[in-house]
């Protein structure tokens, strides 16, 4: 696989990660609002928080992988 193809795959992976981050934040905000409106107990708020944190940690790990792959491609 040449460098151009690798750059294309890394860019695609970065776009997916950006969508995951944006979707996570939107999901988290909407879940908090709905939980408050419906009157769910506080433990459900923590469940939504932990789900959002897990998705953001996943995104951070993948961002690090992209960064390392780009450094390998350059040198």
N, C-alpha and C. Protein backbone atom coordinates (compact mmCIF):
# COMPACT_ATOMS: atom_id res chain seq x y z
N UNK A 1 0.86 -1.17 0.00
CA UNK A 1 0.00 0.00 0.00
C UNK A 1 0.90 1.24 0.00
N UNK A 2 0.60 2.17 -0.90
CA UNK A 2 1.45 3.36 -0.98
C UNK A 2 1.01 4.41 0.04
N UNK A 3 1.82 5.46 0.12
CA UNK A 3 1.58 6.50 1.12
C UNK A 3 0.26 7.23 0.88
N UNK A 4 -0.07 7.45 -0.38
CA UNK A 4 -1.32 8.16 -0.69
C UNK A 4 -2.54 7.38 -0.22
N UNK A 5 -2.52 6.08 -0.41
CA UNK A 5 -3.63 5.24 0.05
C UNK A 5 -3.71 5.22 1.58
N UNK A 6 -2.56 5.16 2.23
CA UNK A 6 -2.55 5.18 3.69
C UNK A 6 -3.09 6.51 4.22
N UNK A 7 -2.68 7.61 3.57
CA UNK A 7 -3.21 8.92 3.99
C UNK A 7 -4.71 8.99 3.81
N UNK A 8 -5.21 8.42 2.73
CA UNK A 8 -6.67 8.40 2.49
C UNK A 8 -7.38 7.60 3.57
N UNK A 9 -6.84 6.44 3.93
CA UNK A 9 -7.46 5.62 4.98
C UNK A 9 -7.41 6.31 6.34
N UNK A 10 -6.29 6.98 6.63
CA UNK A 10 -6.19 7.70 7.90
C UNK A 10 -7.15 8.88 7.95
N UNK A 11 -7.32 9.56 6.83
CA UNK A 11 -8.27 10.68 6.79
C UNK A 11 -9.69 10.17 6.98
N UNK A 12 -10.00 9.04 6.38
CA UNK A 12 -11.34 8.45 6.56
C UNK A 12 -11.57 8.07 8.02
N UNK A 13 -10.56 7.46 8.63
CA UNK A 13 -10.67 7.09 10.04
C UNK A 13 -10.85 8.34 10.91
N UNK A 14 -10.16 9.42 10.57
CA UNK A 14 -10.28 10.67 11.33
C UNK A 14 -11.69 11.24 11.21
N UNK A 15 -12.29 11.15 10.02
CA UNK A 15 -13.67 11.63 9.85
C UNK A 15 -14.65 10.82 10.68
N UNK A 16 -14.44 9.52 10.73
CA UNK A 16 -15.31 8.66 11.55
C UNK A 16 -15.18 9.04 13.02
N UNK A 17 -13.97 9.27 13.45
CA UNK A 17 -13.74 9.66 14.85
C UNK A 17 -14.41 11.00 15.14
N UNK A 18 -14.32 11.94 14.22
CA UNK A 18 -14.97 13.24 14.41
C UNK A 18 -16.49 13.07 14.54
N UNK A 19 -17.07 12.20 13.73
CA UNK A 19 -18.51 11.94 13.83
C UNK A 19 -18.87 11.27 15.15
N UNK A 20 -18.02 10.37 15.62
CA UNK A 20 -18.27 9.71 16.90
C UNK A 20 -18.23 10.73 18.04
N UNK A 21 -17.25 11.63 18.00
CA UNK A 21 -17.15 12.65 19.05
C UNK A 21 -18.38 13.56 19.03
N UNK A 22 -18.74 14.05 17.85
CA UNK A 22 -19.90 14.93 17.75
C UNK A 22 -21.18 14.21 18.16
N UNK A 23 -21.35 12.97 17.70
CA UNK A 23 -22.54 12.20 18.06
C UNK A 23 -22.62 11.91 19.54
N UNK A 24 -21.47 11.65 20.14
CA UNK A 24 -21.43 11.39 21.58
C UNK A 24 -21.89 12.60 22.37
N UNK A 25 -21.40 13.76 21.99
CA UNK A 25 -21.76 14.98 22.71
C UNK A 25 -23.26 15.27 22.54
N UNK A 26 -23.76 15.13 21.33
CA UNK A 26 -25.19 15.36 21.09
C UNK A 26 -26.02 14.36 21.88
N UNK A 27 -25.64 13.07 21.83
CA UNK A 27 -26.35 12.04 22.59
C UNK A 27 -26.34 12.37 24.08
N UNK A 28 -25.20 12.79 24.60
CA UNK A 28 -25.08 13.07 26.03
C UNK A 28 -25.99 14.23 26.44
N UNK A 29 -25.99 15.29 25.64
CA UNK A 29 -26.83 16.44 25.97
C UNK A 29 -28.31 16.07 25.90
N UNK A 30 -28.71 15.38 24.84
CA UNK A 30 -30.11 14.99 24.69
C UNK A 30 -30.52 14.02 25.80
N UNK A 31 -29.65 13.08 26.13
CA UNK A 31 -29.98 12.12 27.19
C UNK A 31 -30.15 12.83 28.52
N UNK A 32 -29.31 13.81 28.80
CA UNK A 32 -29.44 14.56 30.06
C UNK A 32 -30.76 15.33 30.10
N UNK A 33 -31.11 15.95 28.98
CA UNK A 33 -32.37 16.71 28.94
C UNK A 33 -33.58 15.80 29.09
N UNK A 34 -33.58 14.69 28.38
CA UNK A 34 -34.71 13.77 28.45
C UNK A 34 -34.82 13.16 29.84
N UNK A 35 -33.70 12.78 30.42
CA UNK A 35 -33.72 12.19 31.76
C UNK A 35 -34.30 13.17 32.77
N UNK A 36 -33.95 14.43 32.62
CA UNK A 36 -34.47 15.44 33.54
C UNK A 36 -35.97 15.65 33.34
N UNK A 37 -36.41 15.67 32.08
CA UNK A 37 -37.82 15.87 31.77
C UNK A 37 -38.68 14.71 32.26
N UNK A 38 -38.18 13.49 32.08
CA UNK A 38 -38.93 12.29 32.45
C UNK A 38 -38.86 12.05 33.95
N UNK A 39 -37.82 12.58 34.59
CA UNK A 39 -37.67 12.39 36.03
C UNK A 39 -36.94 11.12 36.40
N UNK A 40 -36.01 10.68 35.56
CA UNK A 40 -35.22 9.48 35.87
C UNK A 40 -34.30 9.74 37.06
N UNK A 41 -34.02 8.71 37.84
CA UNK A 41 -33.11 8.88 38.96
C UNK A 41 -31.70 9.29 38.51
N UNK A 42 -30.94 9.83 39.44
CA UNK A 42 -29.59 10.31 39.14
C UNK A 42 -28.64 9.24 38.63
N UNK A 43 -28.90 7.99 39.01
CA UNK A 43 -27.99 6.93 38.57
C UNK A 43 -28.01 6.76 37.05
N UNK A 44 -29.12 7.11 36.41
CA UNK A 44 -29.17 7.05 34.95
C UNK A 44 -28.32 8.16 34.33
N UNK A 45 -28.26 9.28 35.00
CA UNK A 45 -27.38 10.36 34.53
C UNK A 45 -25.93 9.87 34.54
N UNK A 46 -25.55 9.16 35.59
CA UNK A 46 -24.20 8.61 35.65
C UNK A 46 -23.98 7.57 34.55
N UNK A 47 -24.98 6.79 34.24
CA UNK A 47 -24.87 5.82 33.16
C UNK A 47 -24.60 6.52 31.82
N UNK A 48 -25.33 7.59 31.55
CA UNK A 48 -25.10 8.36 30.32
C UNK A 48 -23.71 8.99 30.34
N UNK A 49 -23.30 9.49 31.50
CA UNK A 49 -21.97 10.09 31.62
C UNK A 49 -20.88 9.07 31.33
N UNK A 50 -21.00 7.89 31.91
CA UNK A 50 -19.98 6.86 31.70
C UNK A 50 -19.96 6.37 30.25
N UNK A 51 -21.11 6.29 29.62
CA UNK A 51 -21.15 5.90 28.21
C UNK A 51 -20.45 6.96 27.34
N UNK A 52 -20.68 8.22 27.64
CA UNK A 52 -20.03 9.29 26.89
C UNK A 52 -18.52 9.28 27.13
N UNK A 53 -18.12 9.07 28.37
CA UNK A 53 -16.69 9.01 28.68
C UNK A 53 -16.04 7.85 27.95
N UNK A 54 -16.69 6.70 27.91
CA UNK A 54 -16.13 5.55 27.21
C UNK A 54 -15.96 5.84 25.72
N UNK A 55 -16.94 6.47 25.10
CA UNK A 55 -16.84 6.80 23.68
C UNK A 55 -15.72 7.80 23.43
N UNK A 56 -15.57 8.77 24.31
CA UNK A 56 -14.52 9.77 24.14
C UNK A 56 -13.14 9.18 24.38
N UNK A 57 -13.01 8.24 25.29
CA UNK A 57 -11.73 7.56 25.50
C UNK A 57 -11.39 6.72 24.26
N UNK A 58 -12.40 6.04 23.70
CA UNK A 58 -12.19 5.28 22.47
C UNK A 58 -11.67 6.21 21.36
N UNK A 59 -12.29 7.39 21.25
CA UNK A 59 -11.87 8.35 20.23
C UNK A 59 -10.44 8.82 20.48
N UNK A 60 -10.10 9.06 21.73
CA UNK A 60 -8.75 9.51 22.06
C UNK A 60 -7.71 8.45 21.70
N UNK A 61 -8.00 7.21 21.98
CA UNK A 61 -7.08 6.11 21.64
C UNK A 61 -6.90 6.04 20.12
N UNK A 62 -7.98 6.18 19.38
CA UNK A 62 -7.89 6.14 17.93
C UNK A 62 -7.17 7.35 17.35
N UNK A 63 -7.33 8.51 17.96
CA UNK A 63 -6.59 9.70 17.54
C UNK A 63 -5.10 9.48 17.74
N UNK A 64 -4.73 8.87 18.84
CA UNK A 64 -3.33 8.56 19.10
C UNK A 64 -2.79 7.59 18.04
N UNK A 65 -3.59 6.59 17.67
CA UNK A 65 -3.17 5.65 16.64
C UNK A 65 -2.95 6.35 15.30
N UNK A 66 -3.82 7.29 14.96
CA UNK A 66 -3.65 8.04 13.72
C UNK A 66 -2.37 8.86 13.78
N UNK A 67 -2.15 9.51 14.89
CA UNK A 67 -0.96 10.34 15.07
C UNK A 67 0.31 9.50 14.89
N UNK A 68 0.33 8.31 15.52
CA UNK A 68 1.50 7.43 15.39
C UNK A 68 1.67 6.94 13.96
N UNK A 69 0.58 6.63 13.28
CA UNK A 69 0.66 6.15 11.91
C UNK A 69 1.18 7.25 10.99
N UNK A 70 0.76 8.47 11.20
CA UNK A 70 1.25 9.57 10.37
C UNK A 70 2.73 9.83 10.61
N UNK A 71 3.18 9.69 11.84
CA UNK A 71 4.61 9.86 12.13
C UNK A 71 5.42 8.75 11.46
N UNK A 72 4.90 7.54 11.44
CA UNK A 72 5.58 6.42 10.79
C UNK A 72 5.65 6.65 9.28
N UNK A 73 4.58 7.19 8.68
CA UNK A 73 4.56 7.45 7.25
C UNK A 73 5.56 8.54 6.85
N UNK A 74 5.73 9.53 7.72
CA UNK A 74 6.65 10.62 7.40
C UNK A 74 8.10 10.20 7.45
N UNK A 75 8.43 9.37 8.40
CA UNK A 75 9.85 9.05 8.59
C UNK A 75 10.12 7.64 8.35
